[in-house]
């Protein structure tokens, strides 16, 4: 048996998110990116990003 509010929830969802309710696909497809997480360059880049973020957090305080 359906929940008594299910019809109301459906109406809300379809009116609030018409693009999802109609099954329409986004106009822009996401590009799939394959990154080798084991590569040394990736590790260096991750460390550099983390260091910059830490500096930013210190400046913010």
C-alpha atoms as a PDB file:
ATOM      1  CA  UNK A   1       0.000   0.000   0.000  1.00  0.00           C
ATOM      2  CA  UNK A   2       1.262   3.472  -0.874  1.00  0.00           C
ATOM      3  CA  UNK A   3       2.027   6.054   1.709  1.00  0.00           C
ATOM      4  CA  UNK A   4      -0.833   8.597   1.959  1.00  0.00           C
ATOM      5  CA  UNK A   5       1.496  11.488   1.148  1.00  0.00           C
ATOM      6  CA  UNK A   6       3.090   9.816  -1.864  1.00  0.00           C
ATOM      7  CA  UNK A   7       0.812  11.611  -4.349  1.00  0.00           C
ATOM      8  CA  UNK A   8       1.614  14.982  -2.781  1.00  0.00           C
ATOM      9  CA  UNK A   9       5.322  14.181  -2.798  1.00  0.00           C
ATOM     10  CA  UNK A  10       5.128  13.214  -6.481  1.00  0.00           C
ATOM     11  CA  UNK A  11       3.377  16.461  -7.374  1.00  0.00           C
ATOM     12  CA  UNK A  12       5.977  18.459  -5.449  1.00  0.00           C
ATOM     13  CA  UNK A  13       8.876  16.630  -7.073  1.00  0.00           C
ATOM     14  CA  UNK A  14       7.552  16.966 -10.604  1.00  0.00           C
ATOM     15  CA  UNK A  15       6.794  20.668 -10.168  1.00  0.00           C
ATOM     16  CA  UNK A  16      10.049  21.490  -8.370  1.00  0.00           C
ATOM     17  CA  UNK A  17      12.310  19.447 -10.666  1.00  0.00           C
ATOM     18  CA  UNK A  18      10.613  19.205 -14.066  1.00  0.00           C
ATOM     19  CA  UNK A  19      13.832  18.302 -15.885  1.00  0.00           C
ATOM     20  CA  UNK A  20      14.307  15.230 -13.674  1.00  0.00           C
ATOM     21  CA  UNK A  21      10.676  14.212 -13.750  1.00  0.00           C
ATOM     22  CA  UNK A  22      10.519  14.216 -17.534  1.00  0.00           C
ATOM     23  CA  UNK A  23      13.662  12.107 -17.759  1.00  0.00           C
ATOM     24  CA  UNK A  24      15.399  14.777 -19.824  1.00  0.00           C
ATOM     25  CA  UNK A  25      19.140  14.463 -19.993  1.00  0.00           C
ATOM     26  CA  UNK A  26      21.299  17.465 -19.226  1.00  0.00           C
ATOM     27  CA  UNK A  27      22.336  19.315 -22.344  1.00  0.00           C
ATOM     28  CA  UNK A  28      25.979  19.087 -21.413  1.00  0.00           C
ATOM     29  CA  UNK A  29      27.384  15.603 -20.855  1.00  0.00           C
ATOM     30  CA  UNK A  30      30.022  15.173 -18.202  1.00  0.00           C
ATOM     31  CA  UNK A  31      33.413  14.256 -19.545  1.00  0.00           C
ATOM     32  CA  UNK A  32      34.795  11.132 -17.939  1.00  0.00           C
ATOM     33  CA  UNK A  33      38.315  11.742 -16.698  1.00  0.00           C
ATOM     34  CA  UNK A  34      40.640   8.849 -15.991  1.00  0.00           C
ATOM     35  CA  UNK A  35      43.376   9.871 -13.549  1.00  0.00           C
ATOM     36  CA  UNK A  36      46.079   7.452 -12.464  1.00  0.00           C
ATOM     37  CA  UNK A  37      46.011   7.904  -8.687  1.00  0.00           C
ATOM     38  CA  UNK A  38      49.219   5.933  -8.301  1.00  0.00           C
ATOM     39  CA  UNK A  39      51.294   8.173 -10.592  1.00  0.00           C
ATOM     40  CA  UNK A  40      54.034  10.197  -8.876  1.00  0.00           C
ATOM     41  CA  UNK A  41      52.884  13.376 -10.663  1.00  0.00           C
ATOM     42  CA  UNK A  42      49.402  12.946  -9.199  1.00  0.00           C
ATOM     43  CA  UNK A  43      50.809  12.604  -5.698  1.00  0.00           C
ATOM     44  CA  UNK A  44      52.946  15.725  -6.148  1.00  0.00           C
ATOM     45  CA  UNK A  45      49.973  17.683  -7.424  1.00  0.00           C
ATOM     46  CA  UNK A  46      47.801  16.528  -4.503  1.00  0.00           C
ATOM     47  CA  UNK A  47      50.448  17.559  -1.986  1.00  0.00           C
ATOM     48  CA  UNK A  48      50.821  20.969  -3.631  1.00  0.00           C
ATOM     49  CA  UNK A  49      47.055  21.544  -3.528  1.00  0.00           C
ATOM     50  CA  UNK A  50      46.891  20.477   0.123  1.00  0.00           C
ATOM     51  CA  UNK A  51      49.758  22.797   1.052  1.00  0.00           C
ATOM     52  CA  UNK A  52      48.126  25.759  -0.677  1.00  0.00           C
ATOM     53  CA  UNK A  53      44.856  25.004   1.093  1.00  0.00           C
ATOM     54  CA  UNK A  54      46.601  24.881   4.479  1.00  0.00           C
ATOM     55  CA  UNK A  55      48.267  28.233   3.785  1.00  0.00           C
ATOM     56  CA  UNK A  56      44.914  29.681   2.811  1.00  0.00           C
ATOM     57  CA  UNK A  57      43.365  28.399   6.053  1.00  0.00           C
ATOM     58  CA  UNK A  58      46.189  29.938   8.125  1.00  0.00           C
ATOM     59  CA  UNK A  59      45.759  33.307   6.391  1.00  0.00           C
ATOM     60  CA  UNK A  60      42.026  33.161   6.967  1.00  0.00           C
ATOM     61  CA  UNK A  61      42.484  32.997  10.754  1.00  0.00           C
END
